[in-house]
């Protein structure tokens, strides 16, 4: 039995196309792995920056909490009053109204 004359060229083109698709998928996988690595790196950098800011914030708060307000000239309020809100839009609500 003889093969058709176009059988070998069709198989050659098909094999070449499959090799190209395979190489394309490998390149795509490498690109996605690179992007994921860069994303993780930027997330770690952001977390480190947030940690630094939190440390500075808590250090500032600790100095504020340990400061005696009377030594800075602050005094207790002598009298406290509350103002009743009137003519407010219907969308706003206040406690005690």
C-alpha atoms as a PDB file:
ATOM      1  CA  UNK A   1       0.000   0.000   0.000  1.00  0.00           C
ATOM      2  CA  UNK A   2       1.377   3.405  -0.938  1.00  0.00           C
ATOM      3  CA  UNK A   3       0.995   6.654   0.970  1.00  0.00           C
ATOM      4  CA  UNK A   4      -0.664   9.663  -0.588  1.00  0.00           C
ATOM      5  CA  UNK A   5       1.837  12.215  -1.902  1.00  0.00           C
ATOM      6  CA  UNK A   6       0.647  14.959   0.456  1.00  0.00           C
ATOM      7  CA  UNK A   7       0.806  12.881   3.628  1.00  0.00           C
ATOM      8  CA  UNK A   8       4.459  13.632   4.532  1.00  0.00           C
ATOM      9  CA  UNK A   9       4.238  17.432   3.937  1.00  0.00           C
ATOM     10  CA  UNK A  10       1.018  17.643   5.996  1.00  0.00           C
ATOM     11  CA  UNK A  11       2.642  15.747   8.874  1.00  0.00           C
ATOM     12  CA  UNK A  12       5.744  17.956   8.634  1.00  0.00           C
ATOM     13  CA  UNK A  13       3.692  21.151   8.810  1.00  0.00           C
ATOM     14  CA  UNK A  14       1.582  19.744  11.658  1.00  0.00           C
ATOM     15  CA  UNK A  15       4.672  18.747  13.652  1.00  0.00           C
ATOM     16  CA  UNK A  16       6.222  22.171  13.049  1.00  0.00           C
ATOM     17  CA  UNK A  17       3.036  23.904  14.202  1.00  0.00           C
ATOM     18  CA  UNK A  18       2.907  21.776  17.348  1.00  0.00           C
ATOM     19  CA  UNK A  19       6.550  22.585  18.125  1.00  0.00           C
ATOM     20  CA  UNK A  20       5.822  26.311  17.700  1.00  0.00           C
ATOM     21  CA  UNK A  21       2.759  26.087  19.971  1.00  0.00           C
ATOM     22  CA  UNK A  22       4.833  24.194  22.550  1.00  0.00           C
ATOM     23  CA  UNK A  23       7.577  26.827  22.477  1.00  0.00           C
ATOM     24  CA  UNK A  24       4.956  29.584  22.749  1.00  0.00           C
ATOM     25  CA  UNK A  25       3.462  27.932  25.817  1.00  0.00           C
ATOM     26  CA  UNK A  26       6.904  27.618  27.419  1.00  0.00           C
ATOM     27  CA  UNK A  27       7.591  31.327  26.809  1.00  0.00           C
ATOM     28  CA  UNK A  28       4.163  32.222  28.230  1.00  0.00           C
ATOM     29  CA  UNK A  29       4.828  30.149  31.345  1.00  0.00           C
ATOM     30  CA  UNK A  30       8.192  31.844  31.870  1.00  0.00           C
ATOM     31  CA  UNK A  31       6.635  35.301  31.449  1.00  0.00           C
ATOM     32  CA  UNK A  32       3.877  34.568  33.954  1.00  0.00           C
ATOM     33  CA  UNK A  33       6.408  33.178  36.444  1.00  0.00           C
ATOM     34  CA  UNK A  34       8.486  36.348  36.055  1.00  0.00           C
ATOM     35  CA  UNK A  35       5.459  38.588  36.553  1.00  0.00           C
ATOM     36  CA  UNK A  36       4.429  36.628  39.639  1.00  0.00           C
ATOM     37  CA  UNK A  37       7.927  36.936  41.105  1.00  0.00           C
ATOM     38  CA  UNK A  38       7.924  40.687  40.476  1.00  0.00           C
ATOM     39  CA  UNK A  39       4.468  41.011  42.039  1.00  0.00           C
ATOM     40  CA  UNK A  40       5.571  39.125  45.143  1.00  0.00           C
ATOM     41  CA  UNK A  41       8.666  41.303  45.386  1.00  0.00           C
ATOM     42  CA  UNK A  42       6.622  44.498  45.193  1.00  0.00           C
ATOM     43  CA  UNK A  43       4.194  43.137  47.814  1.00  0.00           C
ATOM     44  CA  UNK A  44       7.107  42.387  50.155  1.00  0.00           C
ATOM     45  CA  UNK A  45       8.509  45.883  49.582  1.00  0.00           C
ATOM     46  CA  UNK A  46       5.118  47.425  50.356  1.00  0.00           C
ATOM     47  CA  UNK A  47       4.773  45.331  53.513  1.00  0.00           C
ATOM     48  CA  UNK A  48       8.241  46.409  54.631  1.00  0.00           C
ATOM     49  CA  UNK A  49       7.354  50.067  54.031  1.00  0.00           C
ATOM     50  CA  UNK A  50       4.106  49.645  55.968  1.00  0.00           C
ATOM     51  CA  UNK A  51       6.005  47.988  58.815  1.00  0.00           C
ATOM     52  CA  UNK A  52       8.444  50.900  58.941  1.00  0.00           C
ATOM     53  CA  UNK A  53       5.596  53.413  59.009  1.00  0.00           C
ATOM     54  CA  UNK A  54       3.803  51.465  61.744  1.00  0.00           C
ATOM     55  CA  UNK A  55       6.974  51.389  63.833  1.00  0.00           C
ATOM     56  CA  UNK A  56       7.375  55.160  63.485  1.00  0.00           C
ATOM     57  CA  UNK A  57       3.684  55.672  64.280  1.00  0.00           C
ATOM     58  CA  UNK A  58       3.778  53.542  67.428  1.00  0.00           C
ATOM     59  CA  UNK A  59       6.984  55.256  68.551  1.00  0.00           C
ATOM     60  CA  UNK A  60       5.288  58.646  68.123  1.00  0.00           C
ATOM     61  CA  UNK A  61       2.173  57.493  69.956  1.00  0.00           C
ATOM     62  CA  UNK A  62       4.220  56.143  72.851  1.00  0.00           C
ATOM     63  CA  UNK A  63       5.869  59.540  73.319  1.00  0.00           C
ATOM     64  CA  UNK A  64       2.473  61.264  73.194  1.00  0.00           C
ATOM     65  CA  UNK A  65       0.924  58.887  75.706  1.00  0.00           C
ATOM     66  CA  UNK A  66       3.761  59.320  78.178  1.00  0.00           C
ATOM     67  CA  UNK A  67       3.629  63.133  77.992  1.00  0.00           C
ATOM     68  CA  UNK A  68       1.762  64.864  80.790  1.00  0.00           C
ATOM     69  CA  UNK A  69      -0.669  67.292  79.089  1.00  0.00           C
ATOM     70  CA  UNK A  70      -0.596  69.653  82.095  1.00  0.00           C
ATOM     71  CA  UNK A  71       3.152  70.131  81.619  1.00  0.00           C
ATOM     72  CA  UNK A  72       2.420  71.461  78.115  1.00  0.00           C
ATOM     73  CA  UNK A  73      -0.061  74.022  79.434  1.00  0.00           C
ATOM     74  CA  UNK A  74      -3.280  72.149  78.709  1.00  0.00           C
ATOM     75  CA  UNK A  75      -6.102  72.443  81.243  1.00  0.00           C
ATOM     76  CA  UNK A  76      -9.375  70.593  81.742  1.00  0.00           C
ATOM     77  CA  UNK A  77     -12.431  72.178  80.136  1.00  0.00           C
ATOM     78  CA  UNK A  78     -14.465  74.141  82.647  1.00  0.00           C
ATOM     79  CA  UNK A  79     -17.788  73.643  80.907  1.00  0.00           C
ATOM     80  CA  UNK A  80     -19.029  71.396  78.093  1.00  0.00           C
ATOM     81  CA  UNK A  81     -22.063  72.236  75.948  1.00  0.00           C
ATOM     82  CA  UNK A  82     -23.696  70.519  73.033  1.00  0.00           C
ATOM     83  CA  UNK A  83     -25.428  72.261  70.161  1.00  0.00           C
ATOM     84  CA  UNK A  84     -28.690  70.878  68.826  1.00  0.00           C
ATOM     85  CA  UNK A  85     -28.617  70.405  65.072  1.00  0.00           C
ATOM     86  CA  UNK A  86     -31.495  71.982  63.159  1.00  0.00           C
ATOM     87  CA  UNK A  87     -32.520  72.098  59.494  1.00  0.00           C
ATOM     88  CA  UNK A  88     -30.487  69.073  58.531  1.00  0.00           C
ATOM     89  CA  UNK A  89     -31.076  67.153  55.325  1.00  0.00           C
ATOM     90  CA  UNK A  90     -33.114  63.979  55.787  1.00  0.00           C
ATOM     91  CA  UNK A  91     -30.158  61.738  54.920  1.00  0.00           C
ATOM     92  CA  UNK A  92     -28.161  62.689  58.028  1.00  0.00           C
ATOM     93  CA  UNK A  93     -28.888  61.268  61.441  1.00  0.00           C
ATOM     94  CA  UNK A  94     -27.292  62.052  64.758  1.00  0.00           C
ATOM     95  CA  UNK A  95     -27.353  60.096  67.977  1.00  0.00           C
ATOM     96  CA  UNK A  96     -29.767  61.421  70.563  1.00  0.00           C
ATOM     97  CA  UNK A  97     -32.091  62.966  68.033  1.00  0.00           C
END
